[in-house]
Amino acid sequence: MDVKTKFLNGNLEEEVYMKQPEGFSSSGGEHLVCKLKKSIYGLKQASRLSQETYINKVLERFWMKDCSPSIAPIVKGDRFNLEQCLKNDLEREQMKNIPYAYAVGSLMYVQVCTRPDIEFSIGMLGRYQSNPGINHWKAAKKVMRYLQGTKDYMLMYRRTDNLVVISSSDLDSTSCIDSRKSTSGYVFMLVGGVVYWKSAKQTLIATSTMEAEFVSCFEATSHGVWLNSFISWLRVVDSISRPLKIYCDNSVAVFMAKNNKSRSRNKHIDIKYLALRERVKEKTMVIEHFSTKLMIVDPLTKSMPPLKFKDHVDRLGLGSFE
């Protein structure tokens, strides 16, 4: 896949020259080369320059160019619900000229491309686009303030001889006060950095934490099956033939994934989610228990204390060289 318009946001800091592209008309100057001013697809620094320039444009677009940075996009205790939506004409007048949906969409582009650390907060804000209140707008600006201080963050990967894909899956059962549906999150890691991430509200109301964790593991394995096939097709990671390991911090969910025995209180779980057991039995997946304190996927499922959030983001392989 080749995206012709990718990485056109950044201005080059170094002097880079290139041959004249095919079809370039310059009578008498065929022997000359071009000096690049903009970053283009194919340069090593293209993605880094493109992201930082794009974030600067977003901050300027929504009057946040000179804002003070925030230490986290969302912190423990932040809550969003329908009660914060517009309820009267005065509140509607306050929000009339605020481009909330435009701002969330602009931030979503950053999150999808390179920033798993803001996925949870953007996912939460996206749930209120049809009728956002002033608190939702303040929260969106808080995400921008966080990006102000972390615009140089990048996904980093480290050279290693152990090319193994691992995954972590987790959830938060209290993030959606309105529907009481849990928020699933999972990441896939390779060579010390995250290569895929997802945070989303579950489609069902789980009756227990175990059920919600089991569903989250199922969703992670569904993507893991595709990821295994894709990397195998690339033929760059020999060890991908091993079962893909997924970590879960709920011991009951892990036990249920490894055993075909069903208890009376678990019989209501939809049959499609039980496909997880089949994947474990076929040894395409391995579900292992992991300490809750060490779950690096937590920033994608819940609000956290700032220092703990920063530690988890570092372990996702996201940061700056400085």
C-alpha atoms as a PDB file:
ATOM      1  CA  MET A   1       0.000   0.000   0.000  1.00  0.00           C
ATOM      2  CA  ASP A   2       1.338   3.441  -0.949  1.00  0.00           C
ATOM      3  CA  VAL A   3      -0.305   6.638   0.295  1.00  0.00           C
ATOM      4  CA  LYS A   4       0.795   9.454  -2.025  1.00  0.00           C
ATOM      5  CA  THR A   5      -0.340  12.272   0.259  1.00  0.00           C
ATOM      6  CA  LYS A   6       1.215  10.852   3.441  1.00  0.00           C
ATOM      7  CA  PHE A   7       3.782  12.858   5.459  1.00  0.00           C
ATOM      8  CA  LEU A   8       3.314  16.219   3.722  1.00  0.00           C
ATOM      9  CA  ASN A   9       2.847  18.286   6.889  1.00  0.00           C
ATOM     10  CA  GLY A  10       6.421  18.758   8.043  1.00  0.00           C
ATOM     11  CA  ASN A  11       9.061  21.311   7.066  1.00  0.00           C
ATOM     12  CA  LEU A  12      12.552  19.852   6.667  1.00  0.00           C
ATOM     13  CA  GLU A  13      15.176  20.927   9.188  1.00  0.00           C
ATOM     14  CA  GLU A  14      18.108  19.418   7.251  1.00  0.00           C
ATOM     15  CA  GLU A  15      19.349  20.098   3.725  1.00  0.00           C
ATOM     16  CA  VAL A  16      18.121  17.291   1.482  1.00  0.00           C
ATOM     17  CA  TYR A  17      18.469  17.108  -2.288  1.00  0.00           C
ATOM     18  CA  MET A  18      16.825  14.756  -4.770  1.00  0.00           C
ATOM     19  CA  LYS A  19      16.900  14.027  -8.460  1.00  0.00           C
ATOM     20  CA  GLN A  20      14.323  15.802 -10.569  1.00  0.00           C
ATOM     21  CA  PRO A  21      11.160  13.690 -10.660  1.00  0.00           C
ATOM     22  CA  GLU A  22      10.047  12.142 -13.925  1.00  0.00           C
ATOM     23  CA  GLY A  23       8.029  14.578 -16.021  1.00  0.00           C
ATOM     24  CA  PHE A  24       9.554  17.644 -14.374  1.00  0.00           C
ATOM     25  CA  SER A  25       9.933  20.295 -17.060  1.00  0.00           C
ATOM     26  CA  SER A  26      13.000  22.536 -16.744  1.00  0.00           C
ATOM     27  CA  SER A  27      14.387  23.589 -20.077  1.00  0.00           C
ATOM     28  CA  GLY A  28      18.150  23.804 -19.873  1.00  0.00           C
ATOM     29  CA  GLY A  29      18.233  22.680 -16.254  1.00  0.00           C
ATOM     30  CA  GLU A  30      18.056  18.930 -16.694  1.00  0.00           C
ATOM     31  CA  HIS A  31      21.397  18.521 -14.890  1.00  0.00           C
ATOM     32  CA  LEU A  32      20.139  20.263 -11.739  1.00  0.00           C
ATOM     33  CA  VAL A  33      18.768  18.627  -8.590  1.00  0.00           C
ATOM     34  CA  CYS A  34      15.864  19.689  -6.359  1.00  0.00           C
ATOM     35  CA  LYS A  35      16.283  21.004  -2.833  1.00  0.00           C
ATOM     36  CA  LEU A  36      13.474  19.746  -0.629  1.00  0.00           C
ATOM     37  CA  LYS A  37      11.692  22.188   1.656  1.00  0.00           C
ATOM     38  CA  LYS A  38       8.902  19.844   2.735  1.00  0.00           C
ATOM     39  CA  SER A  39       9.144  16.351   4.137  1.00  0.00           C
ATOM     40  CA  ILE A  40       7.942  13.739   1.647  1.00  0.00           C
ATOM     41  CA  TYR A  41       7.132  10.050   1.704  1.00  0.00           C
ATOM     42  CA  GLY A  42      10.319   7.991   1.835  1.00  0.00           C
ATOM     43  CA  LEU A  43      12.426  10.183   4.129  1.00  0.00           C
ATOM     44  CA  LYS A  44      13.423   8.716   7.500  1.00  0.00           C
ATOM     45  CA  GLN A  45      12.280  11.804   9.392  1.00  0.00           C
ATOM     46  CA  ALA A  46       8.991  12.160   7.496  1.00  0.00           C
ATOM     47  CA  SER A  47       6.638  10.626  10.067  1.00  0.00           C
ATOM     48  CA  ARG A  48       8.181  12.490  13.027  1.00  0.00           C
ATOM     49  CA  LEU A  49       8.062  15.870  11.301  1.00  0.00           C
ATOM     50  CA  SER A  50       4.567  15.267   9.984  1.00  0.00           C
ATOM     51  CA  GLN A  51       3.104  14.463  13.413  1.00  0.00           C
ATOM     52  CA  GLU A  52       4.586  17.464  15.229  1.00  0.00           C
ATOM     53  CA  THR A  53       3.564  19.878  12.476  1.00  0.00           C
ATOM     54  CA  TYR A  54       0.051  18.444  12.400  1.00  0.00           C
ATOM     55  CA  ILE A  55      -0.328  18.833  16.179  1.00  0.00           C
ATOM     56  CA  ASN A  56       0.822  22.454  15.923  1.00  0.00           C
ATOM     57  CA  LYS A  57      -1.810  23.088  13.250  1.00  0.00           C
ATOM     58  CA  VAL A  58      -4.521  21.531  15.434  1.00  0.00           C
ATOM     59  CA  LEU A  59      -3.532  23.670  18.425  1.00  0.00           C
ATOM     60  CA  GLU A  60      -3.601  26.813  16.309  1.00  0.00           C
ATOM     61  CA  ARG A  61      -6.911  25.870  14.678  1.00  0.00           C
ATOM     62  CA  PHE A  62      -8.657  25.619  18.048  1.00  0.00           C
ATOM     63  CA  TRP A  63      -7.014  28.635  19.729  1.00  0.00           C
ATOM     64  CA  MET A  64      -4.651  26.543  21.871  1.00  0.00           C
ATOM     65  CA  LYS A  65      -1.326  27.466  20.276  1.00  0.00           C
ATOM     66  CA  ASP A  66       0.021  29.156  23.420  1.00  0.00           C
ATOM     67  CA  CYS A  67      -1.707  26.963  26.019  1.00  0.00           C
ATOM     68  CA  SER A  68       0.156  25.609  29.027  1.00  0.00           C
ATOM     69  CA  PRO A  69       0.888  21.858  28.807  1.00  0.00           C
ATOM     70  CA  SER A  70      -0.995  19.250  30.839  1.00  0.00           C
ATOM     71  CA  ILE A  71       0.676  16.200  32.381  1.00  0.00           C
ATOM     72  CA  ALA A  72      -2.058  13.795  31.222  1.00  0.00           C
ATOM     73  CA  PRO A  73      -5.015  13.854  28.792  1.00  0.00           C
ATOM     74  CA  ILE A  74      -7.354  12.537  31.470  1.00  0.00           C
ATOM     75  CA  VAL A  75      -6.675  11.907  35.161  1.00  0.00           C
ATOM     76  CA  LYS A  76      -8.166   9.668  37.806  1.00  0.00           C
ATOM     77  CA  GLY A  77     -11.496  11.089  38.923  1.00  0.00           C
ATOM     78  CA  ASP A  78     -12.472  12.626  35.571  1.00  0.00           C
ATOM     79  CA  ARG A  79     -15.963  11.472  34.640  1.00  0.00           C
ATOM     80  CA  PHE A  80     -18.185  12.141  31.627  1.00  0.00           C
ATOM     81  CA  ASN A  81     -21.898  11.423  31.325  1.00  0.00           C
ATOM     82  CA  LEU A  82     -25.130  12.535  29.666  1.00  0.00           C
ATOM     83  CA  GLU A  83     -25.919  14.817  32.605  1.00  0.00           C
ATOM     84  CA  GLN A  84     -23.132  17.091  31.341  1.00  0.00           C
ATOM     85  CA  CYS A  85     -24.808  17.483  27.928  1.00  0.00           C
ATOM     86  CA  LEU A  86     -26.736  20.617  26.953  1.00  0.00           C
ATOM     87  CA  LYS A  87     -30.070  20.986  28.746  1.00  0.00           C
ATOM     88  CA  ASN A  88     -31.259  24.567  28.166  1.00  0.00           C
ATOM     89  CA  ASP A  89     -30.995  27.533  25.787  1.00  0.00           C
ATOM     90  CA  LEU A  90     -28.313  29.266  27.860  1.00  0.00           C
ATOM     91  CA  GLU A  91     -26.001  26.271  27.625  1.00  0.00           C
ATOM     92  CA  ARG A  92     -26.731  25.890  23.904  1.00  0.00           C
ATOM     93  CA  GLU A  93     -25.799  29.527  23.378  1.00  0.00           C
ATOM     94  CA  GLN A  94     -22.471  28.908  25.148  1.00  0.00           C
ATOM     95  CA  MET A  95     -21.630  26.009  22.836  1.00  0.00           C
ATOM     96  CA  LYS A  96     -23.086  27.481  19.630  1.00  0.00           C
ATOM     97  CA  ASN A  97     -19.786  28.572  18.105  1.00  0.00           C
ATOM     98  CA  ILE A  98     -17.558  25.874  19.603  1.00  0.00           C
ATOM     99  CA  PRO A  99     -16.411  23.329  16.945  1.00  0.00           C
ATOM    100  CA  TYR A 100     -16.464  20.351  19.297  1.00  0.00           C
ATOM    101  CA  ALA A 101     -16.965  17.590  16.710  1.00  0.00           C
ATOM    102  CA  TYR A 102     -14.319  19.147  14.456  1.00  0.00           C
ATOM    103  CA  ALA A 103     -11.846  19.212  17.343  1.00  0.00           C
ATOM    104  CA  VAL A 104     -12.515  15.601  18.364  1.00  0.00           C
ATOM    105  CA  GLY A 105     -12.132  14.480  14.750  1.00  0.00           C
ATOM    106  CA  SER A 106      -8.826  16.339  14.412  1.00  0.00           C
ATOM    107  CA  LEU A 107      -7.517  14.759  17.618  1.00  0.00           C
ATOM    108  CA  MET A 108      -8.744  11.345  16.523  1.00  0.00           C
ATOM    109  CA  TYR A 109      -6.427  11.486  13.498  1.00  0.00           C
ATOM    110  CA  VAL A 110      -3.423  11.906  15.822  1.00  0.00           C
ATOM    111  CA  GLN A 111      -4.606   9.052  18.024  1.00  0.00           C
ATOM    112  CA  VAL A 112      -5.156   6.619  15.157  1.00  0.00           C
ATOM    113  CA  CYS A 113      -1.740   7.253  13.598  1.00  0.00           C
ATOM    114  CA  THR A 114       0.775   7.406  16.442  1.00  0.00           C
ATOM    115  CA  ARG A 115      -0.721   8.195  19.848  1.00  0.00           C
ATOM    116  CA  PRO A 116      -2.259   5.296  21.804  1.00  0.00           C
ATOM    117  CA  ASP A 117      -1.881   7.407  24.967  1.00  0.00           C
ATOM    118  CA  ILE A 118      -4.887   9.582  24.015  1.00  0.00           C
ATOM    119  CA  GLU A 119      -7.116   6.818  22.614  1.00  0.00           C
ATOM    120  CA  PHE A 120      -9.176   6.370  25.792  1.00  0.00           C
ATOM    121  CA  SER A 121      -9.829  10.080  26.290  1.00  0.00           C
ATOM    122  CA  ILE A 122     -10.738  10.622  22.617  1.00  0.00           C
ATOM    123  CA  GLY A 123     -13.008   7.571  22.701  1.00  0.00           C
ATOM    124  CA  MET A 124     -14.822   8.975  25.723  1.00  0.00           C
ATOM    125  CA  LEU A 125     -15.227  12.438  24.169  1.00  0.00           C
ATOM    126  CA  GLY A 126     -16.474  10.931  20.916  1.00  0.00           C
ATOM    127  CA  ARG A 127     -19.496   9.467  22.703  1.00  0.00           C
ATOM    128  CA  TYR A 128     -20.978  12.938  23.221  1.00  0.00           C
ATOM    129  CA  GLN A 129     -20.527  14.523  19.789  1.00  0.00           C
ATOM    130  CA  SER A 130     -24.260  14.844  19.135  1.00  0.00           C
ATOM    131  CA  ASN A 131     -24.864  17.042  22.197  1.00  0.00           C
ATOM    132  CA  PRO A 132     -21.607  18.071  23.913  1.00  0.00           C
ATOM    133  CA  GLY A 133     -21.609  20.209  27.024  1.00  0.00           C
ATOM    134  CA  ILE A 134     -19.077  22.747  28.216  1.00  0.00           C
ATOM    135  CA  ASN A 135     -17.366  20.120  30.417  1.00  0.00           C
ATOM    136  CA  HIS A 136     -16.790  17.952  27.369  1.00  0.00           C
ATOM    137  CA  TRP A 137     -15.201  20.898  25.563  1.00  0.00           C
ATOM    138  CA  LYS A 138     -12.943  21.598  28.556  1.00  0.00           C
ATOM    139  CA  ALA A 139     -11.873  17.951  28.471  1.00  0.00           C
ATOM    140  CA  ALA A 140     -11.071  18.201  24.738  1.00  0.00           C
ATOM    141  CA  LYS A 141      -8.913  21.246  25.457  1.00  0.00           C
ATOM    142  CA  LYS A 142      -7.157  19.280  28.187  1.00  0.00           C
ATOM    143  CA  VAL A 143      -6.156  16.673  25.586  1.00  0.00           C
ATOM    144  CA  MET A 144      -4.758  19.490  23.430  1.00  0.00           C
ATOM    145  CA  ARG A 145      -2.804  20.803  26.400  1.00  0.00           C
ATOM    146  CA  TYR A 146      -1.354  17.322  26.878  1.00  0.00           C
ATOM    147  CA  LEU A 147      -0.326  17.216  23.212  1.00  0.00           C
ATOM    148  CA  GLN A 148       1.260  20.652  23.630  1.00  0.00           C
ATOM    149  CA  GLY A 149       3.742  19.132  26.057  1.00  0.00           C
ATOM    150  CA  THR A 150       4.233  15.834  24.201  1.00  0.00           C
ATOM    151  CA  LYS A 151       4.154  16.807  20.517  1.00  0.00           C
ATOM    152  CA  ASP A 152       7.636  15.294  20.093  1.00  0.00           C
ATOM    153  CA  TYR A 153       6.514  11.866  21.348  1.00  0.00           C
ATOM    154  CA  MET A 154       7.070   9.010  18.928  1.00  0.00           C
ATOM    155  CA  LEU A 155       6.692   5.249  18.808  1.00  0.00           C
ATOM    156  CA  MET A 156      10.102   3.718  19.498  1.00  0.00           C
ATOM    157  CA  TYR A 157      11.306   0.190  18.798  1.00  0.00           C
ATOM    158  CA  ARG A 158      14.518  -1.465  19.944  1.00  0.00           C
ATOM    159  CA  ARG A 159      16.827  -3.881  18.216  1.00  0.00           C
ATOM    160  CA  THR A 160      16.454  -7.370  19.649  1.00  0.00           C
ATOM    161  CA  ASP A 161      16.990 -10.993  18.674  1.00  0.00           C
ATOM    162  CA  ASN A 162      13.737 -11.991  20.368  1.00  0.00           C
ATOM    163  CA  LEU A 163      11.116 -11.130  17.745  1.00  0.00           C
ATOM    164  CA  VAL A 164       7.957 -12.217  19.535  1.00  0.00           C
ATOM    165  CA  VAL A 165       4.554 -10.550  19.388  1.00  0.00           C
ATOM    166  CA  ILE A 166       2.863 -10.270  22.790  1.00  0.00           C
ATOM    167  CA  SER A 167      -0.437  -8.710  23.776  1.00  0.00           C
ATOM    168  CA  SER A 168      -2.163  -7.351  26.869  1.00  0.00           C
ATOM    169  CA  SER A 169      -5.924  -7.155  27.302  1.00  0.00           C
ATOM    170  CA  ASP A 170      -7.842  -5.320  30.012  1.00  0.00           C
ATOM    171  CA  LEU A 171     -11.034  -3.388  30.688  1.00  0.00           C
ATOM    172  CA  ASP A 172     -12.685  -0.859  32.934  1.00  0.00           C
ATOM    173  CA  SER A 173     -16.230  -1.577  34.068  1.00  0.00           C
ATOM    174  CA  THR A 174     -16.979   1.905  35.447  1.00  0.00           C
ATOM    175  CA  SER A 175     -15.964   4.296  32.637  1.00  0.00           C
ATOM    176  CA  CYS A 176     -19.422   4.531  31.021  1.00  0.00           C
ATOM    177  CA  ILE A 177     -21.854   5.728  33.680  1.00  0.00           C
ATOM    178  CA  ASP A 178     -24.704   6.092  31.175  1.00  0.00           C
ATOM    179  CA  SER A 179     -24.871   2.573  29.695  1.00  0.00           C
ATOM    180  CA  ARG A 180     -22.922   0.595  32.318  1.00  0.00           C
ATOM    181  CA  LYS A 181     -21.046  -1.087  29.478  1.00  0.00           C
ATOM    182  CA  SER A 182     -17.374  -1.859  30.027  1.00  0.00           C
ATOM    183  CA  THR A 183     -14.527  -0.402  27.980  1.00  0.00           C
ATOM    184  CA  SER A 184     -12.187  -2.990  26.441  1.00  0.00           C
ATOM    185  CA  GLY A 185      -8.606  -2.245  25.526  1.00  0.00           C
ATOM    186  CA  TYR A 186      -5.758  -4.250  24.100  1.00  0.00           C
ATOM    187  CA  VAL A 187      -2.303  -3.659  22.635  1.00  0.00           C
ATOM    188  CA  PHE A 188       0.105  -5.765  20.596  1.00  0.00           C
ATOM    189  CA  MET A 189       3.813  -5.266  21.247  1.00  0.00           C
ATOM    190  CA  LEU A 190       6.825  -6.098  19.072  1.00  0.00           C
ATOM    191  CA  VAL A 191      10.518  -5.213  19.642  1.00  0.00           C
ATOM    192  CA  GLY A 192       9.728  -3.074  22.663  1.00  0.00           C
ATOM    193  CA  GLY A 193       7.003  -0.921  21.143  1.00  0.00           C
ATOM    194  CA  VAL A 194       3.292  -1.050  20.444  1.00  0.00           C
ATOM    195  CA  VAL A 195       2.338  -1.997  16.861  1.00  0.00           C
ATOM    196  CA  TYR A 196      -1.446  -2.039  17.276  1.00  0.00           C
ATOM    197  CA  TRP A 197      -3.858  -0.681  19.872  1.00  0.00           C
ATOM    198  CA  LYS A 198      -7.604  -0.551  20.387  1.00  0.00           C
ATOM    199  CA  SER A 199      -9.973   0.886  22.983  1.00  0.00           C
ATOM    200  CA  ALA A 200     -13.736   0.587  22.591  1.00  0.00           C
ATOM    201  CA  LYS A 201     -16.954   0.293  24.540  1.00  0.00           C
ATOM    202  CA  GLN A 202     -18.264  -3.263  24.614  1.00  0.00           C
ATOM    203  CA  THR A 203     -21.520  -3.967  22.797  1.00  0.00           C
ATOM    204  CA  LEU A 204     -23.099  -5.844  25.703  1.00  0.00           C
ATOM    205  CA  ILE A 205     -23.699  -5.201  29.395  1.00  0.00           C
ATOM    206  CA  ALA A 206     -21.565  -7.750  31.219  1.00  0.00           C
ATOM    207  CA  THR A 207     -23.025  -9.186  34.405  1.00  0.00           C
ATOM    208  CA  SER A 208     -19.623  -9.764  35.996  1.00  0.00           C
ATOM    209  CA  THR A 209     -16.028  -8.606  35.742  1.00  0.00           C
ATOM    210  CA  MET A 210     -15.038 -12.091  34.587  1.00  0.00           C
ATOM    211  CA  GLU A 211     -17.484 -11.952  31.674  1.00  0.00           C
ATOM    212  CA  ALA A 212     -16.275  -8.509  30.617  1.00  0.00           C
ATOM    213  CA  GLU A 213     -12.623  -9.634  30.808  1.00  0.00           C
ATOM    214  CA  PHE A 214     -13.446 -12.779  28.815  1.00  0.00           C
ATOM    215  CA  VAL A 215     -15.087 -10.693  26.086  1.00  0.00           C
ATOM    216  CA  SER A 216     -12.078  -8.369  26.027  1.00  0.00           C
ATOM    217  CA  CYS A 217      -9.734 -11.348  25.573  1.00  0.00           C
ATOM    218  CA  PHE A 218     -11.923 -12.634  22.740  1.00  0.00           C
ATOM    219  CA  GLU A 219     -11.705  -9.278  20.959  1.00  0.00           C
ATOM    220  CA  ALA A 220      -7.912  -9.254  21.370  1.00  0.00           C
ATOM    221  CA  THR A 221      -7.546 -12.782  19.988  1.00  0.00           C
ATOM    222  CA  SER A 222      -9.769 -11.929  17.015  1.00  0.00           C
ATOM    223  CA  HIS A 223      -7.296  -9.259  15.954  1.00  0.00           C
ATOM    224  CA  GLY A 224      -4.384 -11.463  16.984  1.00  0.00           C
ATOM    225  CA  VAL A 225      -5.423 -14.135  14.468  1.00  0.00           C
ATOM    226  CA  TRP A 226      -5.235 -11.547  11.680  1.00  0.00           C
ATOM    227  CA  LEU A 227      -1.951 -10.093  12.965  1.00  0.00           C
ATOM    228  CA  ASN A 228      -0.365 -13.543  13.107  1.00  0.00           C
ATOM    229  CA  SER A 229      -1.368 -14.228   9.511  1.00  0.00           C
ATOM    230  CA  PHE A 230      -0.152 -10.824   8.325  1.00  0.00           C
ATOM    231  CA  ILE A 231       3.300 -11.083   9.941  1.00  0.00           C
ATOM    232  CA  SER A 232       3.657 -14.680   8.735  1.00  0.00           C
ATOM    233  CA  TRP A 233       2.938 -13.438   5.212  1.00  0.00           C
ATOM    234  CA  LEU A 234       5.715 -10.826   5.557  1.00  0.00           C
ATOM    235  CA  ARG A 235       8.179 -13.621   6.483  1.00  0.00           C
ATOM    236  CA  VAL A 236      10.283 -11.354   8.685  1.00  0.00           C
ATOM    237  CA  VAL A 237       9.564 -12.943  12.074  1.00  0.00           C
ATOM    238  CA  ASP A 238      10.273 -16.675  12.259  1.00  0.00           C
ATOM    239  CA  SER A 239       9.081 -16.900  15.867  1.00  0.00           C
ATOM    240  CA  ILE A 240       5.564 -15.834  14.848  1.00  0.00           C
ATOM    241  CA  SER A 241       4.862 -19.540  14.367  1.00  0.00           C
ATOM    242  CA  ARG A 242       4.682 -19.793  18.158  1.00  0.00           C
ATOM    243  CA  PRO A 243       1.296 -19.294  19.842  1.00  0.00           C
ATOM    244  CA  LEU A 244       0.581 -15.600  20.361  1.00  0.00           C
ATOM    245  CA  LYS A 245       0.672 -14.788  24.080  1.00  0.00           C
ATOM    246  CA  ILE A 246      -2.049 -12.577  25.558  1.00  0.00           C
ATOM    247  CA  TYR A 247      -1.883 -11.342  29.147  1.00  0.00           C
ATOM    248  CA  CYS A 248      -5.014 -10.898  31.256  1.00  0.00           C
ATOM    249  CA  ASP A 249      -5.240  -9.844  34.914  1.00  0.00           C
ATOM    250  CA  ASN A 250      -8.433 -11.777  35.706  1.00  0.00           C
ATOM    251  CA  SER A 251      -7.561 -15.301  36.851  1.00  0.00           C
ATOM    252  CA  VAL A 252     -11.134 -16.598  36.466  1.00  0.00           C
ATOM    253  CA  ALA A 253     -11.300 -15.417  32.847  1.00  0.00           C
ATOM    254  CA  VAL A 254      -7.927 -17.085  32.181  1.00  0.00           C
ATOM    255  CA  PHE A 255      -9.175 -20.333  33.750  1.00  0.00           C
ATOM    256  CA  MET A 256     -12.347 -20.247  31.666  1.00  0.00           C
ATOM    257  CA  ALA A 257     -10.336 -19.666  28.471  1.00  0.00           C
ATOM    258  CA  LYS A 258      -8.195 -22.724  29.188  1.00  0.00           C
ATOM    259  CA  ASN A 259     -10.961 -25.114  30.261  1.00  0.00           C
ATOM    260  CA  ASN A 260     -14.117 -26.375  28.576  1.00  0.00           C
ATOM    261  CA  LYS A 261     -15.973 -26.688  31.850  1.00  0.00           C
ATOM    262  CA  SER A 262     -18.869 -24.261  32.248  1.00  0.00           C
ATOM    263  CA  ARG A 263     -20.362 -23.155  35.513  1.00  0.00           C
ATOM    264  CA  SER A 264     -24.044 -22.374  35.859  1.00  0.00           C
ATOM    265  CA  ARG A 265     -23.362 -18.664  36.340  1.00  0.00           C
ATOM    266  CA  ASN A 266     -21.337 -18.510  33.092  1.00  0.00           C
ATOM    267  CA  LYS A 267     -23.675 -20.408  30.764  1.00  0.00           C
ATOM    268  CA  HIS A 268     -25.312 -17.222  29.484  1.00  0.00           C
ATOM    269  CA  ILE A 269     -22.130 -16.011  27.742  1.00  0.00           C
ATOM    270  CA  ASP A 270     -22.682 -15.765  23.985  1.00  0.00           C
ATOM    271  CA  ILE A 271     -21.393 -18.779  22.044  1.00  0.00           C
ATOM    272  CA  LYS A 272     -19.275 -16.605  19.723  1.00  0.00           C
ATOM    273  CA  TYR A 273     -17.086 -15.525  22.632  1.00  0.00           C
ATOM    274  CA  LEU A 274     -16.410 -19.170  23.475  1.00  0.00           C
ATOM    275  CA  ALA A 275     -14.408 -19.342  20.233  1.00  0.00           C
ATOM    276  CA  LEU A 276     -11.610 -18.063  22.466  1.00  0.00           C
ATOM    277  CA  ARG A 277     -11.390 -21.542  24.010  1.00  0.00           C
ATOM    278  CA  GLU A 278     -11.036 -23.087  20.569  1.00  0.00           C
ATOM    279  CA  ARG A 279      -8.142 -20.781  19.712  1.00  0.00           C
ATOM    280  CA  VAL A 280      -6.397 -21.710  22.961  1.00  0.00           C
ATOM    281  CA  LYS A 281      -7.040 -25.418  22.337  1.00  0.00           C
ATOM    282  CA  GLU A 282      -5.615 -25.142  18.808  1.00  0.00           C
ATOM    283  CA  LYS A 283      -2.551 -23.419  20.326  1.00  0.00           C
ATOM    284  CA  THR A 284      -2.832 -20.366  18.111  1.00  0.00           C
ATOM    285  CA  MET A 285      -3.218 -18.320  21.308  1.00  0.00           C
ATOM    286  CA  VAL A 286      -1.976 -18.619  24.876  1.00  0.00           C
ATOM    287  CA  ILE A 287      -3.809 -16.737  27.635  1.00  0.00           C
ATOM    288  CA  GLU A 288      -1.658 -16.035  30.688  1.00  0.00           C
ATOM    289  CA  HIS A 289      -2.458 -14.356  33.991  1.00  0.00           C
ATOM    290  CA  PHE A 290      -0.572 -11.129  34.708  1.00  0.00           C
ATOM    291  CA  SER A 291      -0.459  -8.781  37.683  1.00  0.00           C
ATOM    292  CA  THR A 292      -2.906  -5.868  37.514  1.00  0.00           C
ATOM    293  CA  LYS A 293      -0.132  -3.466  38.544  1.00  0.00           C
ATOM    294  CA  LEU A 294       1.899  -4.398  35.454  1.00  0.00           C
ATOM    295  CA  MET A 295      -0.832  -4.157  32.805  1.00  0.00           C
ATOM    296  CA  ILE A 296       0.564  -1.680  30.277  1.00  0.00           C
ATOM    297  CA  VAL A 297      -2.797  -1.460  28.507  1.00  0.00           C
ATOM    298  CA  ASP A 298      -4.378   0.451  31.418  1.00  0.00           C
ATOM    299  CA  PRO A 299      -4.067   3.909  29.729  1.00  0.00           C
ATOM    300  CA  LEU A 300      -6.450   2.628  27.027  1.00  0.00           C
ATOM    301  CA  THR A 301      -9.196   1.619  29.451  1.00  0.00           C
ATOM    302  CA  LYS A 302      -9.269   4.007  32.390  1.00  0.00           C
ATOM    303  CA  SER A 303      -8.177   7.333  33.840  1.00  0.00           C
ATOM    304  CA  MET A 304      -5.052   7.057  35.974  1.00  0.00           C
ATOM    305  CA  PRO A 305      -2.888   9.103  38.368  1.00  0.00           C
ATOM    306  CA  PRO A 306      -0.434  11.161  36.244  1.00  0.00           C
ATOM    307  CA  LEU A 307       2.793   9.472  37.374  1.00  0.00           C
ATOM    308  CA  LYS A 308       1.372   5.991  36.890  1.00  0.00           C
ATOM    309  CA  PHE A 309       0.021   7.029  33.491  1.00  0.00           C
ATOM    310  CA  LYS A 310       3.470   8.288  32.429  1.00  0.00           C
ATOM    311  CA  ASP A 311       5.116   5.033  33.529  1.00  0.00           C
ATOM    312  CA  HIS A 312       2.658   2.934  31.502  1.00  0.00           C
ATOM    313  CA  VAL A 313       3.071   5.155  28.430  1.00  0.00           C
ATOM    314  CA  ASP A 314       6.860   4.733  28.639  1.00  0.00           C
ATOM    315  CA  ARG A 315       6.438   0.958  28.695  1.00  0.00           C
ATOM    316  CA  LEU A 316       4.316   1.139  25.551  1.00  0.00           C
ATOM    317  CA  GLY A 317       7.424   2.434  23.790  1.00  0.00           C
ATOM    318  CA  LEU A 318       6.048   5.953  23.431  1.00  0.00           C
ATOM    319  CA  GLY A 319       8.266   8.911  24.272  1.00  0.00           C
ATOM    320  CA  SER A 320      10.869  11.381  23.032  1.00  0.00           C
ATOM    321  CA  PHE A 321      14.627  11.134  22.501  1.00  0.00           C
ATOM    322  CA  GLU A 322      15.314  14.031  24.863  1.00  0.00           C
END
